C-alpha atoms as a PDB file:
ATOM      1  CA  MET A   1      88.369-242.292  61.697  1.00  0.00           C
ATOM      2  CA  CYS A   2      88.367-245.731  63.353  1.00  0.00           C
ATOM      3  CA  ARG A   3      91.388-246.309  65.601  1.00  0.00           C
ATOM      4  CA  ARG A   4      91.550-250.013  64.741  1.00  0.00           C
ATOM      5  CA  CYS A   5      91.263-250.015  60.951  1.00  0.00           C
ATOM      6  CA  ARG A   6      92.398-246.430  60.329  1.00  0.00           C
ATOM      7  CA  SER A   7      89.641-246.106  57.705  1.00  0.00           C
ATOM      8  CA  GLY A   8      87.892-242.809  57.263  1.00  0.00           C
ATOM      9  CA  SER A   9      86.158-240.391  54.922  1.00  0.00           C
ATOM     10  CA  THR A  10      85.907-236.695  54.480  1.00  0.00           C
ATOM     11  CA  MET A  11      82.103-236.977  54.294  1.00  0.00           C
ATOM     12  CA  VAL A  12      81.127-239.749  56.731  1.00  0.00           C
ATOM     13  CA  GLU A  13      82.648-241.803  59.487  1.00  0.00           C
ATOM     14  CA  LYS A  14      82.648-245.390  58.247  1.00  0.00           C
ATOM     15  CA  ALA A  15      82.187-248.113  60.823  1.00  0.00           C
ATOM     16  CA  CYS A  16      85.044-250.532  61.275  1.00  0.00           C
ATOM     17  CA  PRO A  17      84.192-254.136  60.292  1.00  0.00           C
ATOM     18  CA  ASP A  18      85.379-255.167  63.752  1.00  0.00           C
ATOM     19  CA  ASP A  19      82.440-253.208  65.169  1.00  0.00           C
ATOM     20  CA  TYR A  20      79.896-255.417  63.385  1.00  0.00           C
ATOM     21  CA  ASP A  21      77.475-256.745  65.980  1.00  0.00           C
ATOM     22  CA  GLY A  22      75.467-259.043  63.747  1.00  0.00           C
ATOM     23  CA  TYR A  23      72.665-256.588  63.158  1.00  0.00           C
ATOM     24  CA  GLY A  24      74.128-253.903  60.939  1.00  0.00           C
ATOM     25  CA  LEU A  25      76.836-251.345  60.446  1.00  0.00           C
ATOM     26  CA  SER A  26      76.363-247.880  61.911  1.00  0.00           C
ATOM     27  CA  ILE A  27      77.083-245.126  59.406  1.00  0.00           C
ATOM     28  CA  GLN A  28      76.645-241.567  60.662  1.00  0.00           C
ATOM     29  CA  PRO A  29      77.183-238.293  58.857  1.00  0.00           C
ATOM     30  CA  ALA A  30      80.316-236.434  59.733  1.00  0.00           C
ATOM     31  CA  ARG A  31      79.978-233.141  61.593  1.00  0.00           C
ATOM     32  CA  PRO A  32      82.172-230.205  60.605  1.00  0.00           C
ATOM     33  CA  GLU A  33      84.808-229.348  63.134  1.00  0.00           C
ATOM     34  CA  ARG A  34      84.109-226.061  64.899  1.00  0.00           C
ATOM     35  CA  LYS A  35      87.436-225.514  66.664  1.00  0.00           C
ATOM     36  CA  GLY A  36      87.706-221.834  65.891  1.00  0.00           C
ATOM     37  CA  ARG A  37      86.962-222.339  62.195  1.00  0.00           C
ATOM     38  CA  SER A  38      84.185-220.429  60.419  1.00  0.00           C
ATOM     39  CA  MET A  39      81.845-222.063  57.918  1.00  0.00           C
ATOM     40  CA  ALA A  40      82.757-221.713  54.244  1.00  0.00           C
ATOM     41  CA  THR A  41      80.988-218.941  52.347  1.00  0.00           C
ATOM     42  CA  ILE A  42      80.519-217.833  48.767  1.00  0.00           C
ATOM     43  CA  ILE A  43      81.605-214.314  47.867  1.00  0.00           C
ATOM     44  CA  GLY A  44      79.962-212.816  44.801  1.00  0.00           C
ATOM     45  CA  ASP A  45      80.538-209.515  43.051  1.00  0.00           C
ATOM     46  CA  MET A  46      77.667-207.042  43.237  1.00  0.00           C
ATOM     47  CA  PRO A  47      76.125-206.558  39.786  1.00  0.00           C
ATOM     48  CA  SER A  48      75.975-203.145  38.197  1.00  0.00           C
ATOM     49  CA  VAL A  49      72.223-202.623  37.989  1.00  0.00           C
ATOM     50  CA  GLY A  50      72.332-199.093  36.581  1.00  0.00           C
ATOM     51  CA  CYS A  51      69.764-197.924  39.131  1.00  0.00           C
ATOM     52  CA  THR A  52      70.290-195.914  42.319  1.00  0.00           C
ATOM     53  CA  CYS A  53      67.700-195.525  45.054  1.00  0.00           C
ATOM     54  CA  ARG A  54      67.215-191.900  46.155  1.00  0.00           C
ATOM     55  CA  GLY A  55      64.380-192.374  48.613  1.00  0.00           C
ATOM     56  CA  VAL A  56      61.312-194.402  49.528  1.00  0.00           C
ATOM     57  CA  SER A  57      58.391-192.784  51.337  1.00  0.00           C
ATOM     58  CA  GLN A  58      54.813-193.453  52.318  1.00  0.00           C
ATOM     59  CA  PHE A  59      52.513-190.441  52.614  1.00  0.00           C
ATOM     60  CA  VAL A  60      49.080-189.895  54.142  1.00  0.00           C
ATOM     61  CA  ARG A  61      47.341-186.644  53.149  1.00  0.00           C
ATOM     62  CA  MET A  62      44.092-185.400  54.609  1.00  0.00           C
ATOM     63  CA  ALA A  63      41.193-183.690  52.827  1.00  0.00           C
ATOM     64  CA  GLY A  64      42.078-180.161  51.768  1.00  0.00           C
ATOM     65  CA  TRP A  65      45.673-180.955  50.770  1.00  0.00           C
ATOM     66  CA  SER A  66      46.968-180.186  47.283  1.00  0.00           C
ATOM     67  CA  GLN A  67      50.242-181.240  45.672  1.00  0.00           C
ATOM     68  CA  PRO A  68      52.583-178.217  45.751  1.00  0.00           C
ATOM     69  CA  GLU A  69      54.374-177.327  42.545  1.00  0.00           C
ATOM     70  CA  LEU A  70      57.825-178.871  42.195  1.00  0.00           C
ATOM     71  CA  VAL A  71      60.363-180.068  39.656  1.00  0.00           C
ATOM     72  CA  CYS A  72      61.601-183.646  40.101  1.00  0.00           C
ATOM     73  CA  GLU A  73      65.377-183.979  40.301  1.00  0.00           C
ATOM     74  CA  ASP A  74      65.172-187.706  39.567  1.00  0.00           C
ATOM     75  CA  PHE A  75      62.618-190.338  38.556  1.00  0.00           C
ATOM     76  CA  ALA A  76      59.573-190.617  40.801  1.00  0.00           C
ATOM     77  CA  LEU A  77      57.332-193.690  40.769  1.00  0.00           C
ATOM     78  CA  VAL A  78      54.086-193.233  42.706  1.00  0.00           C
ATOM     79  CA  LEU A  79      51.520-195.862  43.685  1.00  0.00           C
ATOM     80  CA  VAL A  80      48.234-194.688  45.210  1.00  0.00           C
ATOM     81  CA  ARG A  81      46.771-197.004  47.851  1.00  0.00           C
ATOM     82  CA  ARG A  82      43.573-195.074  48.620  1.00  0.00           C
ATOM     83  CA  GLY A  83      41.996-191.819  47.576  1.00  0.00           C
ATOM     84  CA  ILE A  84      42.534-189.798  44.400  1.00  0.00           C
ATOM     85  CA  LEU A  85      45.677-187.818  43.566  1.00  0.00           C
ATOM     86  CA  PRO A  86      44.757-185.029  41.089  1.00  0.00           C
ATOM     87  CA  VAL A  87      47.965-183.710  39.501  1.00  0.00           C
ATOM     88  CA  ARG A  88      49.413-182.235  36.350  1.00  0.00           C
ATOM     89  CA  VAL A  89      52.759-183.606  35.151  1.00  0.00           C
ATOM     90  CA  ASP A  90      54.264-181.294  32.543  1.00  0.00           C
ATOM     91  CA  ASP A  91      51.186-180.765  30.317  1.00  0.00           C
ATOM     92  CA  VAL A  92      49.370-183.993  31.228  1.00  0.00           C
ATOM     93  CA  ASP A  93      46.449-183.933  33.682  1.00  0.00           C
ATOM     94  CA  LEU A  94      46.088-187.097  35.760  1.00  0.00           C
ATOM     95  CA  ARG A  95      43.742-188.463  38.396  1.00  0.00           C
ATOM     96  CA  VAL A  96      45.711-191.266  40.010  1.00  0.00           C
ATOM     97  CA  GLY A  97      43.357-193.578  41.908  1.00  0.00           C
ATOM     98  CA  PRO A  98      43.745-196.639  44.141  1.00  0.00           C
ATOM     99  CA  GLY A  99      46.050-199.203  42.529  1.00  0.00           C
ATOM    100  CA  ASP A 100      47.174-196.731  39.846  1.00  0.00           C
ATOM    101  CA  LEU A 101      50.789-195.824  39.063  1.00  0.00           C
ATOM    102  CA  MET A 102      52.404-192.574  37.967  1.00  0.00           C
ATOM    103  CA  LEU A 103      55.950-192.284  36.608  1.00  0.00           C
ATOM    104  CA  VAL A 104      57.521-188.810  36.526  1.00  0.00           C
ATOM    105  CA  PRO A 105      60.832-188.314  34.652  1.00  0.00           C
ATOM    106  CA  PRO A 106      63.706-186.105  35.831  1.00  0.00           C
ATOM    107  CA  GLN A 107      62.933-182.409  35.374  1.00  0.00           C
ATOM    108  CA  GLY A 108      59.248-183.248  35.212  1.00  0.00           C
ATOM    109  CA  ARG A 109      57.120-180.409  36.583  1.00  0.00           C
ATOM    110  CA  VAL A 110      54.405-181.567  38.988  1.00  0.00           C
ATOM    111  CA  CYS A 111      51.576-179.567  40.553  1.00  0.00           C
ATOM    112  CA  GLY A 112      48.185-180.286  42.056  1.00  0.00           C
ATOM    113  CA  THR A 113      45.098-179.466  40.022  1.00  0.00           C
ATOM    114  CA  GLN A 114      42.660-179.414  42.951  1.00  0.00           C
ATOM    115  CA  TYR A 115      42.389-180.123  46.661  1.00  0.00           C
ATOM    116  CA  VAL A 116      41.852-183.731  47.665  1.00  0.00           C
ATOM    117  CA  THR A 117      38.398-184.371  49.098  1.00  0.00           C
ATOM    118  CA  ASP A 118      39.119-187.645  50.906  1.00  0.00           C
ATOM    119  CA  PRO A 119      42.124-189.064  52.764  1.00  0.00           C
ATOM    120  CA  LEU A 120      44.923-189.929  50.350  1.00  0.00           C
ATOM    121  CA  GLU A 121      47.633-192.556  50.897  1.00  0.00           C
ATOM    122  CA  TYR A 122      50.428-193.307  48.465  1.00  0.00           C
ATOM    123  CA  PHE A 123      53.970-194.651  48.101  1.00  0.00           C
ATOM    124  CA  SER A 124      56.678-192.630  46.367  1.00  0.00           C
ATOM    125  CA  VAL A 125      59.998-194.066  45.155  1.00  0.00           C
ATOM    126  CA  HIS A 126      62.748-191.786  43.827  1.00  0.00           C
ATOM    127  CA  PHE A 127      65.603-193.237  41.796  1.00  0.00           C
ATOM    128  CA  ASP A 128      68.155-192.536  39.087  1.00  0.00           C
ATOM    129  CA  LEU A 129      68.865-194.578  35.975  1.00  0.00           C
ATOM    130  CA  ALA A 130      72.418-194.600  34.673  1.00  0.00           C
ATOM    131  CA  SER A 131      71.216-194.605  31.070  1.00  0.00           C
ATOM    132  CA  TRP A 132      67.808-193.795  29.627  1.00  0.00           C
ATOM    133  CA  ARG A 133      66.129-191.947  26.786  1.00  0.00           C
ATOM    134  CA  ARG A 134      62.642-190.900  25.749  1.00  0.00           C
ATOM    135  CA  SER A 135      60.941-192.791  22.943  1.00  0.00           C
ATOM    136  CA  SER A 136      57.763-192.252  20.965  1.00  0.00           C
ATOM    137  CA  LEU A 137      57.481-195.957  20.075  1.00  0.00           C
ATOM    138  CA  GLY A 138      55.470-196.920  23.156  1.00  0.00           C
ATOM    139  CA  VAL A 139      55.938-199.874  25.500  1.00  0.00           C
ATOM    140  CA  ASN A 140      56.296-202.296  22.599  1.00  0.00           C
ATOM    141  CA  ALA A 141      59.640-200.692  21.751  1.00  0.00           C
ATOM    142  CA  SER A 142      61.338-203.263  23.979  1.00  0.00           C
ATOM    143  CA  ARG A 143      59.889-206.190  22.034  1.00  0.00           C
ATOM    144  CA  GLY A 144      62.334-205.909  19.159  1.00  0.00           C
ATOM    145  CA  ASP A 145      66.007-206.695  18.817  1.00  0.00           C
ATOM    146  CA  GLU A 146      66.855-204.709  21.970  1.00  0.00           C
ATOM    147  CA  SER A 147      64.454-206.634  24.213  1.00  0.00           C
ATOM    148  CA  ASP A 148      67.354-208.369  26.010  1.00  0.00           C
ATOM    149  CA  THR A 149      69.201-205.140  26.782  1.00  0.00           C
ATOM    150  CA  HIS A 150      66.489-202.499  27.179  1.00  0.00           C
ATOM    151  CA  PHE A 151      63.052-202.176  28.733  1.00  0.00           C
ATOM    152  CA  ALA A 152      60.275-199.659  28.120  1.00  0.00           C
ATOM    153  CA  LEU A 153      58.376-197.894  30.902  1.00  0.00           C
ATOM    154  CA  PRO A 154      55.059-196.083  30.361  1.00  0.00           C
ATOM    155  CA  LEU A 155      55.483-192.370  31.064  1.00  0.00           C
ATOM    156  CA  TYR A 156      53.118-190.495  33.386  1.00  0.00           C
ATOM    157  CA  GLY A 157      49.968-192.572  33.966  1.00  0.00           C
ATOM    158  CA  CYS A 158      50.484-196.339  33.957  1.00  0.00           C
ATOM    159  CA  ASP A 159      47.346-198.392  33.223  1.00  0.00           C
ATOM    160  CA  VAL A 160      48.652-201.813  34.242  1.00  0.00           C
ATOM    161  CA  ALA A 161      47.828-204.590  36.683  1.00  0.00           C
ATOM    162  CA  THR A 162      49.516-203.559  39.941  1.00  0.00           C
ATOM    163  CA  ASP A 163      48.845-206.486  42.280  1.00  0.00           C
ATOM    164  CA  ARG A 164      52.446-207.707  42.352  1.00  0.00           C
ATOM    165  CA  LEU A 165      53.800-204.160  42.272  1.00  0.00           C
ATOM    166  CA  THR A 166      51.755-203.262  45.350  1.00  0.00           C
ATOM    167  CA  VAL A 167      53.404-206.110  47.247  1.00  0.00           C
ATOM    168  CA  MET A 168      56.819-204.999  45.975  1.00  0.00           C
ATOM    169  CA  PHE A 169      56.227-201.397  47.084  1.00  0.00           C
ATOM    170  CA  ASN A 170      55.486-202.619  50.609  1.00  0.00           C
ATOM    171  CA  GLN A 171      58.584-204.817  50.618  1.00  0.00           C
ATOM    172  CA  LEU A 172      60.805-202.016  49.320  1.00  0.00           C
ATOM    173  CA  HIS A 173      59.487-199.657  51.997  1.00  0.00           C
ATOM    174  CA  ASP A 174      60.422-202.164  54.712  1.00  0.00           C
ATOM    175  CA  ILE A 175      63.844-202.878  53.175  1.00  0.00           C
ATOM    176  CA  HIS A 176      64.645-199.179  52.861  1.00  0.00           C
ATOM    177  CA  ALA A 177      63.574-198.493  56.447  1.00  0.00           C
ATOM    178  CA  SER A 178      65.737-201.339  57.765  1.00  0.00           C
ATOM    179  CA  HIS A 179      68.837-199.883  56.066  1.00  0.00           C
ATOM    180  CA  GLY A 180      68.277-196.404  57.452  1.00  0.00           C
ATOM    181  CA  GLU A 181      67.171-193.206  55.774  1.00  0.00           C
ATOM    182  CA  GLY A 182      69.765-191.807  53.402  1.00  0.00           C
ATOM    183  CA  ALA A 183      72.026-194.855  53.579  1.00  0.00           C
ATOM    184  CA  ALA A 184      73.283-196.286  50.299  1.00  0.00           C
ATOM    185  CA  SER A 185      71.802-199.731  49.771  1.00  0.00           C
ATOM    186  CA  PRO A 186      72.623-202.005  46.818  1.00  0.00           C
ATOM    187  CA  TYR A 187      69.691-204.118  48.033  1.00  0.00           C
ATOM    188  CA  CYS A 188      67.290-201.212  47.416  1.00  0.00           C
ATOM    189  CA  ASP A 189      68.946-200.457  44.070  1.00  0.00           C
ATOM    190  CA  CYS A 190      68.443-204.030  42.889  1.00  0.00           C
ATOM    191  CA  PHE A 191      64.913-204.176  44.260  1.00  0.00           C
ATOM    192  CA  ILE A 192      63.882-201.005  42.433  1.00  0.00           C
ATOM    193  CA  MET A 193      65.308-202.451  39.224  1.00  0.00           C
ATOM    194  CA  ALA A 194      63.193-205.563  39.791  1.00  0.00           C
ATOM    195  CA  MET A 195      60.136-203.311  40.213  1.00  0.00           C
ATOM    196  CA  LEU A 196      60.916-201.493  36.980  1.00  0.00           C
ATOM    197  CA  MET A 197      61.271-204.814  35.171  1.00  0.00           C
ATOM    198  CA  GLU A 198      57.895-205.880  36.562  1.00  0.00           C
ATOM    199  CA  LEU A 199      56.346-202.587  35.434  1.00  0.00           C
ATOM    200  CA  ALA A 200      57.875-202.979  31.973  1.00  0.00           C
ATOM    201  CA  TYR A 201      56.594-206.555  31.798  1.00  0.00           C
ATOM    202  CA  GLN A 202      53.058-205.575  32.810  1.00  0.00           C
ATOM    203  CA  ALA A 203      53.034-202.587  30.455  1.00  0.00           C
ATOM    204  CA  GLY A 204      54.350-204.701  27.581  1.00  0.00           C
ATOM    205  CA  ARG A 205      51.738-207.356  28.224  1.00  0.00           C
ATOM    206  CA  LYS A 206      49.012-204.722  28.453  1.00  0.00           C
ATOM    207  CA  GLY A 207      50.238-203.091  25.232  1.00  0.00           C
ATOM    208  CA  GLY A 208      50.922-206.376  23.489  1.00  0.00           C
ATOM    209  CA  GLY A 209      48.096-205.955  21.042  1.00  0.00           C
ATOM    210  CA  GLU A 210      44.413-206.679  20.689  1.00  0.00           C
ATOM    211  CA  GLN A 211      45.006-210.415  20.321  1.00  0.00           C
ATOM    212  CA  PHE A 212      46.272-210.720  23.906  1.00  0.00           C
ATOM    213  CA  ASP A 213      43.396-208.701  25.333  1.00  0.00           C
ATOM    214  CA  HIS A 214      40.814-210.609  23.315  1.00  0.00           C
ATOM    215  CA  VAL A 215      42.053-214.042  24.380  1.00  0.00           C
ATOM    216  CA  VAL A 216      42.332-213.116  28.049  1.00  0.00           C
ATOM    217  CA  LEU A 217      39.025-211.272  28.165  1.00  0.00           C
ATOM    218  CA  GLN A 218      37.223-214.104  26.415  1.00  0.00           C
ATOM    219  CA  ARG A 219      38.397-216.433  29.172  1.00  0.00           C
ATOM    220  CA  VAL A 220      37.156-213.922  31.737  1.00  0.00           C
ATOM    221  CA  ASN A 221      33.798-213.696  29.984  1.00  0.00           C
ATOM    222  CA  ASP A 222      33.456-217.482  29.837  1.00  0.00           C
ATOM    223  CA  TRP A 223      34.251-217.710  33.546  1.00  0.00           C
ATOM    224  CA  ILE A 224      31.616-215.076  34.333  1.00  0.00           C
ATOM    225  CA  LYS A 225      28.982-217.005  32.369  1.00  0.00           C
ATOM    226  CA  ALA A 226      29.847-220.209  34.218  1.00  0.00           C
ATOM    227  CA  ASN A 227      29.795-218.609  37.675  1.00  0.00           C
ATOM    228  CA  ALA A 228      27.297-215.760  37.345  1.00  0.00           C
ATOM    229  CA  PHE A 229      24.749-217.420  39.633  1.00  0.00           C
ATOM    230  CA  ASP A 230      27.227-217.706  42.498  1.00  0.00           C
ATOM    231  CA  ASP A 231      28.006-214.934  44.968  1.00  0.00           C
ATOM    232  CA  ILE A 232      30.760-213.257  42.917  1.00  0.00           C
ATOM    233  CA  SER A 233      31.997-209.692  42.593  1.00  0.00           C
ATOM    234  CA  VAL A 234      34.340-207.779  40.300  1.00  0.00           C
ATOM    235  CA  ALA A 235      37.062-208.150  42.942  1.00  0.00           C
ATOM    236  CA  ASP A 236      36.557-211.928  43.012  1.00  0.00           C
ATOM    237  CA  ILE A 237      36.922-212.159  39.236  1.00  0.00           C
ATOM    238  CA  ALA A 238      40.019-209.941  39.223  1.00  0.00           C
ATOM    239  CA  GLU A 239      41.605-212.118  41.909  1.00  0.00           C
ATOM    240  CA  GLN A 240      40.735-215.264  39.957  1.00  0.00           C
ATOM    241  CA  PHE A 241      42.720-213.991  36.953  1.00  0.00           C
ATOM    242  CA  ASN A 242      45.403-212.132  38.956  1.00  0.00           C
ATOM    243  CA  TYR A 243      44.586-208.635  37.664  1.00  0.00           C
ATOM    244  CA  SER A 244      43.639-205.425  39.414  1.00  0.00           C
ATOM    245  CA  ALA A 245      39.882-204.859  39.556  1.00  0.00           C
ATOM    246  CA  GLY A 246      40.134-201.368  38.047  1.00  0.00           C
ATOM    247  CA  TRP A 247      42.189-202.425  35.034  1.00  0.00           C
ATOM    248  CA  LEU A 248      40.086-205.519  34.364  1.00  0.00           C
ATOM    249  CA  SER A 249      36.830-203.531  34.556  1.00  0.00           C
ATOM    250  CA  THR A 250      38.144-200.948  32.089  1.00  0.00           C
ATOM    251  CA  VAL A 251      39.419-203.346  29.419  1.00  0.00           C
ATOM    252  CA  TYR A 252      36.412-205.651  29.810  1.00  0.00           C
ATOM    253  CA  LYS A 253      34.019-202.790  29.068  1.00  0.00           C
ATOM    254  CA  GLN A 254      36.153-201.715  26.110  1.00  0.00           C
ATOM    255  CA  GLU A 255      35.990-205.256  24.716  1.00  0.00           C
ATOM    256  CA  PHE A 256      32.326-206.124  25.334  1.00  0.00           C
ATOM    257  CA  GLY A 257      30.665-202.719  25.632  1.00  0.00           C
ATOM    258  CA  VAL A 258      29.297-203.467  29.100  1.00  0.00           C
ATOM    259  CA  GLY A 259      30.829-203.469  32.563  1.00  0.00           C
ATOM    260  CA  ILE A 260      31.480-206.664  34.515  1.00  0.00           C
ATOM    261  CA  ALA A 261      28.823-205.983  37.154  1.00  0.00           C
ATOM    262  CA  ALA A 262      26.276-205.145  34.452  1.00  0.00           C
ATOM    263  CA  GLN A 263      27.186-208.309  32.539  1.00  0.00           C
ATOM    264  CA  ILE A 264      26.624-210.439  35.636  1.00  0.00           C
ATOM    265  CA  ALA A 265      23.242-208.780  36.132  1.00  0.00           C
ATOM    266  CA  ASN A 266      22.330-209.336  32.460  1.00  0.00           C
ATOM    267  CA  ILE A 267      23.106-213.053  32.684  1.00  0.00           C
ATOM    268  CA  ARG A 268      21.145-213.417  35.905  1.00  0.00           C
ATOM    269  CA  ILE A 269      18.092-211.542  34.636  1.00  0.00           C
ATOM    270  CA  LYS A 270      18.031-213.520  31.387  1.00  0.00           C
ATOM    271  CA  ARG A 271      18.023-216.739  33.388  1.00  0.00           C
ATOM    272  CA  ALA A 272      15.346-215.339  35.692  1.00  0.00           C
ATOM    273  CA  GLU A 273      13.148-214.622  32.677  1.00  0.00           C
ATOM    274  CA  GLU A 274      13.510-218.241  31.565  1.00  0.00           C
ATOM    275  CA  LEU A 275      12.600-219.578  35.006  1.00  0.00           C
ATOM    276  CA  LEU A 276       9.596-217.281  35.324  1.00  0.00           C
ATOM    277  CA  MET A 277       8.329-218.407  31.926  1.00  0.00           C
ATOM    278  CA  SER A 278       8.985-222.137  32.242  1.00  0.00           C
ATOM    279  CA  THR A 279       8.562-223.013  35.933  1.00  0.00           C
ATOM    280  CA  SER A 280       6.183-222.396  38.807  1.00  0.00           C
ATOM    281  CA  MET A 281       8.995-221.301  41.134  1.00  0.00           C
ATOM    282  CA  SER A 282       8.144-218.414  43.428  1.00  0.00           C
ATOM    283  CA  VAL A 283       9.808-215.043  42.916  1.00  0.00           C
ATOM    284  CA  ALA A 284      11.971-215.652  45.989  1.00  0.00           C
ATOM    285  CA  GLN A 285      13.051-219.035  44.632  1.00  0.00           C
ATOM    286  CA  VAL A 286      13.905-217.536  41.248  1.00  0.00           C
ATOM    287  CA  ALA A 287      15.929-214.832  42.976  1.00  0.00           C
ATOM    288  CA  GLN A 288      17.856-217.429  44.956  1.00  0.00           C
ATOM    289  CA  ALA A 289      18.453-219.610  41.889  1.00  0.00           C
ATOM    290  CA  THR A 290      19.902-216.732  39.891  1.00  0.00           C
ATOM    291  CA  GLY A 291      22.367-215.454  42.476  1.00  0.00           C
ATOM    292  CA  PHE A 292      20.295-212.833  44.275  1.00  0.00           C
ATOM    293  CA  ASN A 293      20.273-213.250  48.052  1.00  0.00           C
ATOM    294  CA  ASP A 294      17.680-210.501  48.529  1.00  0.00           C
ATOM    295  CA  ALA A 295      14.322-210.985  46.782  1.00  0.00           C
ATOM    296  CA  LYS A 296      13.440-207.278  47.015  1.00  0.00           C
ATOM    297  CA  TYR A 297      16.732-206.305  45.407  1.00  0.00           C
ATOM    298  CA  PHE A 298      16.119-208.919  42.703  1.00  0.00           C
ATOM    299  CA  MET A 299      12.690-207.435  41.952  1.00  0.00           C
ATOM    300  CA  ARG A 300      14.181-203.949  41.683  1.00  0.00           C
ATOM    301  CA  VAL A 301      16.960-205.060  39.318  1.00  0.00           C
ATOM    302  CA  PHE A 302      14.527-207.159  37.279  1.00  0.00           C
ATOM    303  CA  LYS A 303      12.230-204.179  36.763  1.00  0.00           C
ATOM    304  CA  GLN A 304      15.178-201.982  35.752  1.00  0.00           C
ATOM    305  CA  HIS A 305      16.052-204.483  33.017  1.00  0.00           C
ATOM    306  CA  THR A 306      12.595-205.453  31.762  1.00  0.00           C
ATOM    307  CA  GLY A 307      10.312-202.612  32.799  1.00  0.00           C
ATOM    308  CA  LEU A 308       8.080-205.126  34.614  1.00  0.00           C
ATOM    309  CA  THR A 309       8.018-206.735  38.021  1.00  0.00           C
ATOM    310  CA  PRO A 310       8.735-210.488  38.030  1.00  0.00           C
ATOM    311  CA  THR A 311       5.078-211.280  38.752  1.00  0.00           C
ATOM    312  CA  ARG A 312       3.806-208.975  36.017  1.00  0.00           C
ATOM    313  CA  TYR A 313       6.371-210.406  33.605  1.00  0.00           C
ATOM    314  CA  ARG A 314       5.170-213.953  34.323  1.00  0.00           C
ATOM    315  CA  THR A 315       1.488-213.131  33.845  1.00  0.00           C
ATOM    316  CA  SER A 316       2.039-211.100  30.682  1.00  0.00           C
ATOM    317  CA  PHE A 317       4.299-213.605  28.952  1.00  0.00           C
ATOM    318  CA  PRO A 318       1.580-215.921  27.586  1.00  0.00           C
ATOM    319  CA  LEU A 319      -0.096-212.931  25.903  1.00  0.00           C
ATOM    320  CA  ARG A 320       3.191-211.708  24.454  1.00  0.00           C
ATOM    321  CA  HIS A 321       3.996-215.218  23.264  1.00  0.00           C
ATOM    322  CA  TYR A 322       0.575-215.559  21.623  1.00  0.00           C
ATOM    323  CA  ARG A 323       0.900-212.259  19.760  1.00  0.00           C
ATOM    324  CA  ALA A 324       4.410-213.139  18.616  1.00  0.00           C
ATOM    325  CA  GLY A 325       3.101-216.377  17.099  1.00  0.00           C
ATOM    326  CA  ARG A 326       0.350-214.774  15.058  1.00  0.00           C
END
């Protein structure tokens, strides 16, 4: 507040007109007084999420280990990072691979079906739900009138895109460790609920019907055709569309009857045939133009597809074309 004009503001200190120097008025933001006073805060009530964290762990198992038989006291959500986890849950045999999820319900009986042959690494999250029930309607059960109040989780093996869930597992592991083992943490409870909502969303989208898969996979197929001659891999394509490579490979083959890698090779070889028939490009140049960095590898793949080497294919084409025209 100015001593001369006694003007003032709760937000800014206004300059007194008597201070005008001919160039401009100085207006500066007010600073909160810090004489023993704390800054204002907002206090919110913790929501009732209906989920309680019971434990978060990361395991590394070496070759020769097998899952001992046990009965889960609570829900267990498992994400494998590397290796294969061969288990039986109740009467269902599973081989949970990298990027795959497994959900075990309370009182679910788990046992290994064989010894692991390679190092195995996985996350395991144990939690309770305040209210839940089994349903035979599948993941689309949450798409009806109860979609705002209920969510559906796929039991046992979960064939969904897990990219975001993998990040969330890592974050939850860090959050749980920072709060101390065995300590109650509403933060962990809420975070697990967010993970379950993400899982339900991914499962619902995956099980949303053939129309969804067809539209998405057609876009993937169009992208492959447009970029097949570049240096691309299945992982690159999965990243482009924000899906896991394993899930995308599986549904793509179900839709088109051929795997992604094989489809890329088919497109490249078809183009190579056209170039061999219509240009004088060398075999090495054709290989380079169709996305093959190694001419010898190109010749091997070409022969696998056509039964002929590129050179033999080029020299035999005029004869084949002549006979076809007779």
